[in-house]
Amino acid sequence: MIQPQQRLSLPCAVRHPHAKGRKAQTPSRAKPELRPMRITAELRENATRSVRLLTIIMMVVYYGYIALIAFNKPFLAQPIGDGVASLGIPIGMGVIIFTIIITGIYVRRANGEYDRLTAEILKEASK
């Protein structure tokens, strides 16, 4: 068991209890492939920008529908044809379909551009 006095003398790094004989890696000894690279910054910037844009669009659509429910119920309550369905049902289905489409856009972009950038990062890190 480690005594409290010994804990204070450890370097500023994480030591795994089963890592006997191995030195803990401090930030000054970090591997070069773990240092920030231009590609990782590009990946993070592109992903953040697209996620924020898609999130804002989704929030506008969703909260727009909720605001329509809250502030203009008579509009959504208009019957469609001679049936009992109202206009709010197809608009709500449109919000759900829009969510599926916007998710597909993100997945397509993630599988294309982000995977390409991730492959470049791995290729550069393995040098």
C-alpha atoms as a PDB file:
ATOM      1  CA  MET A   1       0.000   0.000   0.000  1.00  0.00           C
ATOM      2  CA  ILE A   2       1.269   3.447  -0.878  1.00  0.00           C
ATOM      3  CA  GLN A   3       1.778   5.765   2.036  1.00  0.00           C
ATOM      4  CA  PRO A   4       0.422   9.336   1.826  1.00  0.00           C
ATOM      5  CA  GLN A   5       3.987  10.731   1.784  1.00  0.00           C
ATOM      6  CA  GLN A   6       4.824   8.688  -1.321  1.00  0.00           C
ATOM      7  CA  ARG A   7       1.755   9.915  -3.203  1.00  0.00           C
ATOM      8  CA  LEU A   8       3.018  13.470  -3.005  1.00  0.00           C
ATOM      9  CA  SER A   9       6.321  12.556  -4.659  1.00  0.00           C
ATOM     10  CA  LEU A  10       4.775  11.109  -7.849  1.00  0.00           C
ATOM     11  CA  PRO A  11       5.285  13.084 -11.067  1.00  0.00           C
ATOM     12  CA  CYS A  12       2.366  14.943 -12.553  1.00  0.00           C
ATOM     13  CA  ALA A  13       1.201  11.994 -14.648  1.00  0.00           C
ATOM     14  CA  VAL A  14      -1.198   9.117 -14.369  1.00  0.00           C
ATOM     15  CA  ARG A  15       0.232   5.786 -13.250  1.00  0.00           C
ATOM     16  CA  HIS A  16      -1.663   2.593 -13.804  1.00  0.00           C
ATOM     17  CA  PRO A  17      -1.335   0.168 -10.862  1.00  0.00           C
ATOM     18  CA  HIS A  18      -0.377  -2.724 -13.195  1.00  0.00           C
ATOM     19  CA  ALA A  19       2.263  -0.738 -15.094  1.00  0.00           C
ATOM     20  CA  LYS A  20       5.251  -1.997 -13.073  1.00  0.00           C
ATOM     21  CA  GLY A  21       8.592  -0.932 -14.412  1.00  0.00           C
ATOM     22  CA  ARG A  22       7.097   1.459 -16.962  1.00  0.00           C
ATOM     23  CA  LYS A  23       7.531   5.171 -16.560  1.00  0.00           C
ATOM     24  CA  ALA A  24       4.449   7.328 -16.605  1.00  0.00           C
ATOM     25  CA  GLN A  25       4.250   9.508 -19.649  1.00  0.00           C
ATOM     26  CA  THR A  26       4.378  13.166 -18.763  1.00  0.00           C
ATOM     27  CA  PRO A  27       3.258  15.892 -21.165  1.00  0.00           C
ATOM     28  CA  SER A  28       6.904  16.696 -22.013  1.00  0.00           C
ATOM     29  CA  ARG A  29       7.429  13.081 -23.185  1.00  0.00           C
ATOM     30  CA  ALA A  30       4.256  12.934 -25.272  1.00  0.00           C
ATOM     31  CA  LYS A  31       4.552  11.067 -28.530  1.00  0.00           C
ATOM     32  CA  PRO A  32       4.789  13.287 -31.623  1.00  0.00           C
ATOM     33  CA  GLU A  33       1.672  11.699 -33.159  1.00  0.00           C
ATOM     34  CA  LEU A  34      -0.378  12.940 -30.205  1.00  0.00           C
ATOM     35  CA  ARG A  35       0.548  16.570 -30.765  1.00  0.00           C
ATOM     36  CA  PRO A  36      -2.115  18.741 -32.409  1.00  0.00           C
ATOM     37  CA  MET A  37      -1.973  18.611 -36.172  1.00  0.00           C
ATOM     38  CA  ARG A  38      -3.382  20.818 -38.864  1.00  0.00           C
ATOM     39  CA  ILE A  39      -5.741  18.079 -40.017  1.00  0.00           C
ATOM     40  CA  THR A  40      -7.234  17.550 -36.573  1.00  0.00           C
ATOM     41  CA  ALA A  41      -7.940  21.269 -36.315  1.00  0.00           C
ATOM     42  CA  GLU A  42      -9.576  21.202 -39.757  1.00  0.00           C
ATOM     43  CA  LEU A  43     -11.658  18.160 -38.797  1.00  0.00           C
ATOM     44  CA  ARG A  44     -12.761  19.700 -35.515  1.00  0.00           C
ATOM     45  CA  GLU A  45     -13.593  23.021 -37.191  1.00  0.00           C
ATOM     46  CA  ASN A  46     -15.614  21.435 -40.013  1.00  0.00           C
ATOM     47  CA  ALA A  47     -17.468  19.066 -37.714  1.00  0.00           C
ATOM     48  CA  THR A  48     -18.292  21.792 -35.205  1.00  0.00           C
ATOM     49  CA  ARG A  49     -19.491  24.194 -37.899  1.00  0.00           C
ATOM     50  CA  SER A  50     -21.754  21.651 -39.597  1.00  0.00           C
ATOM     51  CA  VAL A  51     -23.139  20.285 -36.315  1.00  0.00           C
ATOM     52  CA  ARG A  52     -23.985  23.789 -35.116  1.00  0.00           C
ATOM     53  CA  LEU A  53     -25.673  24.657 -38.409  1.00  0.00           C
ATOM     54  CA  LEU A  54     -27.731  21.459 -38.470  1.00  0.00           C
ATOM     55  CA  THR A  55     -28.651  21.919 -34.803  1.00  0.00           C
ATOM     56  CA  ILE A  56     -29.849  25.483 -35.393  1.00  0.00           C
ATOM     57  CA  ILE A  57     -31.912  24.407 -38.409  1.00  0.00           C
ATOM     58  CA  MET A  58     -33.445  21.526 -36.458  1.00  0.00           C
ATOM     59  CA  MET A  59     -34.254  23.755 -33.497  1.00  0.00           C
ATOM     60  CA  VAL A  60     -35.936  26.335 -35.755  1.00  0.00           C
ATOM     61  CA  VAL A  61     -38.102  23.662 -37.368  1.00  0.00           C
ATOM     62  CA  TYR A  62     -38.989  21.893 -34.106  1.00  0.00           C
ATOM     63  CA  TYR A  63     -39.573  24.985 -31.981  1.00  0.00           C
ATOM     64  CA  GLY A  64     -41.412  26.596 -34.889  1.00  0.00           C
ATOM     65  CA  TYR A  65     -43.831  23.686 -34.840  1.00  0.00           C
ATOM     66  CA  ILE A  66     -44.171  23.902 -31.052  1.00  0.00           C
ATOM     67  CA  ALA A  67     -44.772  27.672 -31.295  1.00  0.00           C
ATOM     68  CA  LEU A  68     -47.405  27.035 -33.945  1.00  0.00           C
ATOM     69  CA  ILE A  69     -49.129  24.623 -31.575  1.00  0.00           C
ATOM     70  CA  ALA A  70     -48.923  27.125 -28.724  1.00  0.00           C
ATOM     71  CA  PHE A  71     -49.927  30.293 -30.539  1.00  0.00           C
ATOM     72  CA  ASN A  72     -52.061  29.261 -33.537  1.00  0.00           C
ATOM     73  CA  LYS A  73     -54.124  26.218 -32.606  1.00  0.00           C
ATOM     74  CA  PRO A  74     -56.998  27.137 -34.937  1.00  0.00           C
ATOM     75  CA  PHE A  75     -54.648  26.919 -37.933  1.00  0.00           C
ATOM     76  CA  LEU A  76     -53.483  23.423 -36.980  1.00  0.00           C
ATOM     77  CA  ALA A  77     -57.024  22.348 -36.079  1.00  0.00           C
ATOM     78  CA  GLN A  78     -58.315  22.888 -39.635  1.00  0.00           C
ATOM     79  CA  PRO A  79     -59.696  19.589 -40.905  1.00  0.00           C
ATOM     80  CA  ILE A  80     -58.204  17.946 -43.962  1.00  0.00           C
ATOM     81  CA  GLY A  81     -60.963  16.997 -46.371  1.00  0.00           C
ATOM     82  CA  ASP A  82     -64.049  15.318 -44.898  1.00  0.00           C
ATOM     83  CA  GLY A  83     -62.111  13.184 -42.372  1.00  0.00           C
ATOM     84  CA  VAL A  84     -61.222  13.741 -38.765  1.00  0.00           C
ATOM     85  CA  ALA A  85     -57.516  14.437 -39.399  1.00  0.00           C
ATOM     86  CA  SER A  86     -56.356  17.992 -38.908  1.00  0.00           C
ATOM     87  CA  LEU A  87     -53.626  20.010 -40.606  1.00  0.00           C
ATOM     88  CA  GLY A  88     -51.356  19.547 -37.561  1.00  0.00           C
ATOM     89  CA  ILE A  89     -50.857  15.839 -38.306  1.00  0.00           C
ATOM     90  CA  PRO A  90     -49.124  16.184 -41.698  1.00  0.00           C
ATOM     91  CA  ILE A  91     -47.093  19.148 -40.432  1.00  0.00           C
ATOM     92  CA  GLY A  92     -45.954  17.049 -37.433  1.00  0.00           C
ATOM     93  CA  MET A  93     -45.086  14.192 -39.789  1.00  0.00           C
ATOM     94  CA  GLY A  94     -43.128  16.705 -41.854  1.00  0.00           C
ATOM     95  CA  VAL A  95     -41.067  17.616 -38.780  1.00  0.00           C
ATOM     96  CA  ILE A  96     -40.307  13.923 -38.203  1.00  0.00           C
ATOM     97  CA  ILE A  97     -39.371  13.362 -41.860  1.00  0.00           C
ATOM     98  CA  PHE A  98     -37.222  16.509 -41.782  1.00  0.00           C
ATOM     99  CA  THR A  99     -35.402  15.097 -38.744  1.00  0.00           C
ATOM    100  CA  ILE A 100     -34.653  11.884 -40.646  1.00  0.00           C
ATOM    101  CA  ILE A 101     -33.409  13.855 -43.665  1.00  0.00           C
ATOM    102  CA  ILE A 102     -31.166  16.127 -41.611  1.00  0.00           C
ATOM    103  CA  THR A 103     -29.737  13.088 -39.808  1.00  0.00           C
ATOM    104  CA  GLY A 104     -29.012  11.507 -43.195  1.00  0.00           C
ATOM    105  CA  ILE A 105     -27.199  14.665 -44.295  1.00  0.00           C
ATOM    106  CA  TYR A 106     -24.975  14.519 -41.229  1.00  0.00           C
ATOM    107  CA  VAL A 107     -24.275  10.786 -41.612  1.00  0.00           C
ATOM    108  CA  ARG A 108     -23.401  11.220 -45.287  1.00  0.00           C
ATOM    109  CA  ARG A 109     -21.025  14.045 -44.464  1.00  0.00           C
ATOM    110  CA  ALA A 110     -19.499  12.175 -41.512  1.00  0.00           C
ATOM    111  CA  ASN A 111     -18.943   9.036 -43.601  1.00  0.00           C
ATOM    112  CA  GLY A 112     -17.445  11.039 -46.452  1.00  0.00           C
ATOM    113  CA  GLU A 113     -15.476  14.088 -45.434  1.00  0.00           C
ATOM    114  CA  TYR A 114     -14.867  13.271 -41.762  1.00  0.00           C
ATOM    115  CA  ASP A 115     -13.741   9.715 -42.469  1.00  0.00           C
ATOM    116  CA  ARG A 116     -11.337  11.031 -45.118  1.00  0.00           C
ATOM    117  CA  LEU A 117      -9.848  13.527 -42.662  1.00  0.00           C
ATOM    118  CA  THR A 118      -9.642  10.858 -39.944  1.00  0.00           C
ATOM    119  CA  ALA A 119      -7.775   8.559 -42.359  1.00  0.00           C
ATOM    120  CA  GLU A 120      -5.326  11.396 -43.100  1.00  0.00           C
ATOM    121  CA  ILE A 121      -4.786  11.906 -39.354  1.00  0.00           C
ATOM    122  CA  LEU A 122      -4.059   8.199 -38.848  1.00  0.00           C
ATOM    123  CA  LYS A 123      -1.745   8.130 -41.866  1.00  0.00           C
ATOM    124  CA  GLU A 124       0.188  11.155 -40.613  1.00  0.00           C
ATOM    125  CA  ALA A 125       0.340   9.807 -37.062  1.00  0.00           C
ATOM    126  CA  SER A 126       1.762   6.459 -38.217  1.00  0.00           C
ATOM    127  CA  LYS A 127       4.780   8.128 -39.893  1.00  0.00           C
END
